[in-house]
C-alpha atoms as a PDB file:
ATOM      1  CA  UNK A   1     223.456  96.448  44.760  1.00  0.00           C
ATOM      2  CA  UNK A   2     224.869  92.570  45.044  1.00  0.00           C
ATOM      3  CA  UNK A   3     227.976  92.088  47.445  1.00  0.00           C
ATOM      4  CA  UNK A   4     228.392  88.432  47.846  1.00  0.00           C
ATOM      5  CA  UNK A   5     226.592  85.670  46.793  1.00  0.00           C
ATOM      6  CA  UNK A   6     225.974  81.932  47.667  1.00  0.00           C
ATOM      7  CA  UNK A   7     222.831  80.512  47.258  1.00  0.00           C
ATOM      8  CA  UNK A   8     221.657  80.625  50.943  1.00  0.00           C
ATOM      9  CA  UNK A   9     223.483  84.459  51.639  1.00  0.00           C
ATOM     10  CA  UNK A  10     223.367  87.438  49.531  1.00  0.00           C
ATOM     11  CA  UNK A  11     224.969  90.683  51.436  1.00  0.00           C
ATOM     12  CA  UNK A  12     223.449  94.098  49.937  1.00  0.00           C
ATOM     13  CA  UNK A  13     224.196  97.821  51.055  1.00  0.00           C
ATOM     14  CA  UNK A  14     221.247  99.906  51.652  1.00  0.00           C
ATOM     15  CA  UNK A  15     221.355 103.788  52.386  1.00  0.00           C
ATOM     16  CA  UNK A  16     218.511 104.860  54.356  1.00  0.00           C
ATOM     17  CA  UNK A  17     217.861 104.781  58.718  1.00  0.00           C
ATOM     18  CA  UNK A  18     214.997 102.634  57.201  1.00  0.00           C
ATOM     19  CA  UNK A  19     216.772  99.934  56.725  1.00  0.00           C
ATOM     20  CA  UNK A  20     216.945  99.168  60.569  1.00  0.00           C
ATOM     21  CA  UNK A  21     213.639  97.665  61.079  1.00  0.00           C
ATOM     22  CA  UNK A  22     213.099  95.597  58.002  1.00  0.00           C
ATOM     23  CA  UNK A  23     212.862  91.933  59.538  1.00  0.00           C
ATOM     24  CA  UNK A  24     211.764  89.796  56.150  1.00  0.00           C
ATOM     25  CA  UNK A  25     212.692  91.141  52.343  1.00  0.00           C
ATOM     26  CA  UNK A  26     211.948  90.463  49.324  1.00  0.00           C
ATOM     27  CA  UNK A  27     214.826  91.002  46.239  1.00  0.00           C
ATOM     28  CA  UNK A  28     213.749  90.896  42.662  1.00  0.00           C
ATOM     29  CA  UNK A  29     216.144  89.785  39.496  1.00  0.00           C
ATOM     30  CA  UNK A  30     214.885  90.915  37.128  1.00  0.00           C
ATOM     31  CA  UNK A  31     215.885  88.795  33.844  1.00  0.00           C
ATOM     32  CA  UNK A  32     215.297  89.531  30.241  1.00  0.00           C
ATOM     33  CA  UNK A  33     211.364  91.219  29.360  1.00  0.00           C
ATOM     34  CA  UNK A  34     210.010  92.745  26.731  1.00  0.00           C
ATOM     35  CA  UNK A  35     206.917  93.881  25.333  1.00  0.00           C
ATOM     36  CA  UNK A  36     204.750  91.705  22.712  1.00  0.00           C
ATOM     37  CA  UNK A  37     202.402  92.512  20.133  1.00  0.00           C
ATOM     38  CA  UNK A  38     199.300  90.533  19.090  1.00  0.00           C
ATOM     39  CA  UNK A  39     200.376  91.489  15.612  1.00  0.00           C
ATOM     40  CA  UNK A  40     203.208  89.033  15.687  1.00  0.00           C
ATOM     41  CA  UNK A  41     200.726  86.678  16.377  1.00  0.00           C
ATOM     42  CA  UNK A  42     199.783  83.724  13.912  1.00  0.00           C
ATOM     43  CA  UNK A  43     195.989  83.264  15.921  1.00  0.00           C
ATOM     44  CA  UNK A  44     193.329  86.020  14.850  1.00  0.00           C
ATOM     45  CA  UNK A  45     192.456  87.205  18.193  1.00  0.00           C
ATOM     46  CA  UNK A  46     195.344  88.096  20.463  1.00  0.00           C
ATOM     47  CA  UNK A  47     195.854  91.541  22.772  1.00  0.00           C
ATOM     48  CA  UNK A  48     199.458  92.917  23.716  1.00  0.00           C
ATOM     49  CA  UNK A  49     201.284  91.034  26.302  1.00  0.00           C
ATOM     50  CA  UNK A  50     204.606  91.376  28.293  1.00  0.00           C
ATOM     51  CA  UNK A  51     207.452  88.305  28.416  1.00  0.00           C
ATOM     52  CA  UNK A  52     209.468  88.281  31.165  1.00  0.00           C
ATOM     53  CA  UNK A  53     212.261  86.144  33.344  1.00  0.00           C
ATOM     54  CA  UNK A  54     211.959  86.642  36.937  1.00  0.00           C
ATOM     55  CA  UNK A  55     213.386  85.483  40.554  1.00  0.00           C
ATOM     56  CA  UNK A  56     212.249  86.409  44.043  1.00  0.00           C
ATOM     57  CA  UNK A  57     214.436  85.467  47.108  1.00  0.00           C
ATOM     58  CA  UNK A  58     212.693  85.771  50.263  1.00  0.00           C
ATOM     59  CA  UNK A  59     214.743  85.643  53.589  1.00  0.00           C
ATOM     60  CA  UNK A  60     215.040  87.253  56.793  1.00  0.00           C
ATOM     61  CA  UNK A  61     217.510  90.563  56.627  1.00  0.00           C
ATOM     62  CA  UNK A  62     220.794  90.759  59.193  1.00  0.00           C
ATOM     63  CA  UNK A  63     222.774  94.362  60.292  1.00  0.00           C
ATOM     64  CA  UNK A  64     226.103  94.025  59.545  1.00  0.00           C
ATOM     65  CA  UNK A  65     228.648  95.657  61.804  1.00  0.00           C
ATOM     66  CA  UNK A  66     230.552  98.260  61.380  1.00  0.00           C
ATOM     67  CA  UNK A  67     233.093  96.436  59.934  1.00  0.00           C
ATOM     68  CA  UNK A  68     231.490  94.459  57.998  1.00  0.00           C
ATOM     69  CA  UNK A  69     230.370  96.902  56.040  1.00  0.00           C
ATOM     70  CA  UNK A  70     232.874  98.511  55.660  1.00  0.00           C
ATOM     71  CA  UNK A  71     234.594  95.714  53.928  1.00  0.00           C
ATOM     72  CA  UNK A  72     231.218  95.276  52.099  1.00  0.00           C
ATOM     73  CA  UNK A  73     231.697  98.651  50.065  1.00  0.00           C
ATOM     74  CA  UNK A  74     235.527  97.921  50.373  1.00  0.00           C
ATOM     75  CA  UNK A  75     234.721  94.798  47.866  1.00  0.00           C
ATOM     76  CA  UNK A  76     231.849  96.870  45.793  1.00  0.00           C
ATOM     77  CA  UNK A  77     234.650  99.491  44.903  1.00  0.00           C
ATOM     78  CA  UNK A  78     237.100  96.997  44.172  1.00  0.00           C
ATOM     79  CA  UNK A  79     234.809  94.799  41.648  1.00  0.00           C
ATOM     80  CA  UNK A  80     234.342  98.240  39.762  1.00  0.00           C
ATOM     81  CA  UNK A  81     237.978 100.112  40.714  1.00  0.00           C
ATOM     82  CA  UNK A  82     240.240  97.795  41.872  1.00  0.00           C
ATOM     83  CA  UNK A  83     243.197  99.625  44.381  1.00  0.00           C
ATOM     84  CA  UNK A  84     240.782 102.646  44.124  1.00  0.00           C
ATOM     85  CA  UNK A  85     240.174 102.127  48.268  1.00  0.00           C
ATOM     86  CA  UNK A  86     243.965 102.546  49.327  1.00  0.00           C
ATOM     87  CA  UNK A  87     243.765 106.052  47.123  1.00  0.00           C
ATOM     88  CA  UNK A  88     244.134 108.090  50.183  1.00  0.00           C
ATOM     89  CA  UNK A  89     244.252 111.539  48.341  1.00  0.00           C
ATOM     90  CA  UNK A  90     241.051 111.234  46.667  1.00  0.00           C
ATOM     91  CA  UNK A  91     239.642 109.182  49.522  1.00  0.00           C
ATOM     92  CA  UNK A  92     240.799 109.645  53.172  1.00  0.00           C
ATOM     93  CA  UNK A  93     240.212 106.888  56.096  1.00  0.00           C
ATOM     94  CA  UNK A  94     238.734 110.729  57.609  1.00  0.00           C
ATOM     95  CA  UNK A  95     236.273 111.104  55.044  1.00  0.00           C
ATOM     96  CA  UNK A  96     235.119 107.930  54.082  1.00  0.00           C
ATOM     97  CA  UNK A  97     234.369 106.739  58.030  1.00  0.00           C
ATOM     98  CA  UNK A  98     231.731 110.126  58.238  1.00  0.00           C
ATOM     99  CA  UNK A  99     230.599 109.026  54.543  1.00  0.00           C
ATOM    100  CA  UNK A 100     229.739 105.404  56.067  1.00  0.00           C
ATOM    101  CA  UNK A 101     227.517 106.780  58.731  1.00  0.00           C
ATOM    102  CA  UNK A 102     225.188 107.303  56.167  1.00  0.00           C
ATOM    103  CA  UNK A 103     225.117 103.983  55.311  1.00  0.00           C
ATOM    104  CA  UNK A 104     223.320 100.467  56.983  1.00  0.00           C
ATOM    105  CA  UNK A 105     224.405  97.165  55.974  1.00  0.00           C
ATOM    106  CA  UNK A 106     222.574  94.173  55.475  1.00  0.00           C
ATOM    107  CA  UNK A 107     222.601  90.831  54.378  1.00  0.00           C
ATOM    108  CA  UNK A 108     219.563  88.823  53.887  1.00  0.00           C
ATOM    109  CA  UNK A 109     219.339  84.804  54.266  1.00  0.00           C
ATOM    110  CA  UNK A 110     217.194  83.142  51.726  1.00  0.00           C
ATOM    111  CA  UNK A 111     214.588  80.774  53.149  1.00  0.00           C
ATOM    112  CA  UNK A 112     212.822  80.891  50.230  1.00  0.00           C
ATOM    113  CA  UNK A 113     213.405  81.340  46.363  1.00  0.00           C
ATOM    114  CA  UNK A 114     210.606  81.509  43.189  1.00  0.00           C
ATOM    115  CA  UNK A 115     211.225  81.817  39.782  1.00  0.00           C
ATOM    116  CA  UNK A 116     209.012  83.031  36.630  1.00  0.00           C
ATOM    117  CA  UNK A 117     209.562  82.661  33.404  1.00  0.00           C
ATOM    118  CA  UNK A 118     206.449  83.823  30.992  1.00  0.00           C
ATOM    119  CA  UNK A 119     207.831  82.974  27.657  1.00  0.00           C
ATOM    120  CA  UNK A 120     204.522  82.268  25.538  1.00  0.00           C
ATOM    121  CA  UNK A 121     204.998  78.712  26.276  1.00  0.00           C
ATOM    122  CA  UNK A 122     201.240  78.183  26.850  1.00  0.00           C
ATOM    123  CA  UNK A 123     200.912  79.503  23.407  1.00  0.00           C
ATOM    124  CA  UNK A 124     200.457  77.489  19.703  1.00  0.00           C
ATOM    125  CA  UNK A 125     203.541  76.895  17.694  1.00  0.00           C
ATOM    126  CA  UNK A 126     202.866  79.298  15.342  1.00  0.00           C
ATOM    127  CA  UNK A 127     202.073  82.087  17.623  1.00  0.00           C
ATOM    128  CA  UNK A 128     205.614  81.328  19.263  1.00  0.00           C
ATOM    129  CA  UNK A 129     207.324  81.064  16.208  1.00  0.00           C
ATOM    130  CA  UNK A 130     206.344  84.628  15.419  1.00  0.00           C
ATOM    131  CA  UNK A 131     207.456  86.319  18.766  1.00  0.00           C
ATOM    132  CA  UNK A 132     210.636  84.397  18.784  1.00  0.00           C
ATOM    133  CA  UNK A 133     211.030  86.029  14.910  1.00  0.00           C
ATOM    134  CA  UNK A 134     210.223  89.264  15.201  1.00  0.00           C
ATOM    135  CA  UNK A 135     212.018  89.596  19.210  1.00  0.00           C
ATOM    136  CA  UNK A 136     215.014  87.768  16.744  1.00  0.00           C
ATOM    137  CA  UNK A 137     214.928  90.626  14.547  1.00  0.00           C
ATOM    138  CA  UNK A 138     214.097  93.490  16.090  1.00  0.00           C
ATOM    139  CA  UNK A 139     216.943  96.298  16.499  1.00  0.00           C
ATOM    140  CA  UNK A 140     215.767  96.990  20.488  1.00  0.00           C
ATOM    141  CA  UNK A 141     218.746  95.385  22.747  1.00  0.00           C
ATOM    142  CA  UNK A 142     216.173  94.121  25.227  1.00  0.00           C
ATOM    143  CA  UNK A 143     214.211  91.853  22.271  1.00  0.00           C
ATOM    144  CA  UNK A 144     217.515  90.315  21.345  1.00  0.00           C
ATOM    145  CA  UNK A 145     218.092  89.759  24.626  1.00  0.00           C
ATOM    146  CA  UNK A 146     214.751  87.903  25.303  1.00  0.00           C
ATOM    147  CA  UNK A 147     215.099  86.226  22.416  1.00  0.00           C
ATOM    148  CA  UNK A 148     218.903  84.862  23.188  1.00  0.00           C
ATOM    149  CA  UNK A 149     217.507  83.329  26.318  1.00  0.00           C
ATOM    150  CA  UNK A 150     214.624  82.132  24.889  1.00  0.00           C
ATOM    151  CA  UNK A 151     216.704  80.232  22.090  1.00  0.00           C
ATOM    152  CA  UNK A 152     219.221  79.286  24.929  1.00  0.00           C
ATOM    153  CA  UNK A 153     216.476  77.954  27.391  1.00  0.00           C
ATOM    154  CA  UNK A 154     214.629  76.628  23.976  1.00  0.00           C
ATOM    155  CA  UNK A 155     211.467  78.186  25.098  1.00  0.00           C
ATOM    156  CA  UNK A 156     208.568  79.544  23.396  1.00  0.00           C
ATOM    157  CA  UNK A 157     210.784  79.708  20.578  1.00  0.00           C
ATOM    158  CA  UNK A 158     208.457  77.466  17.985  1.00  0.00           C
ATOM    159  CA  UNK A 159     210.672  75.294  17.394  1.00  0.00           C
END
């Protein structure tokens, strides 16, 4: 779960004692993606594939202090339910404190970012148009999301 994001730092919360031993980390962000049928191509010979977008962020982890972990958790809760953290009847501080003992907070200081868009941009215009049209007209939300992304980026649309 991303709590705080800047170009160089992601602050994350991770459950589990093994987090104490992480030194280098990879965080993968996936964007729109979909199965691509060879029947959507104009070309005679083709195979099924997958079109996708992804970003890989590499970096070094730093364990957060108990106080910084508490602040990160409060920010996460407030992102989804403003004011809930102040509901001491539902979540007394003693209870929250005990729950936080099972959490290791850490942040990743990013030193490398790799991004990939595999959207059929290497295909000919007819194949691109067939894929884009089929994705656009699909009832599947993931197909429509990929078509919208391709249109926004003007990649793989056959135009």
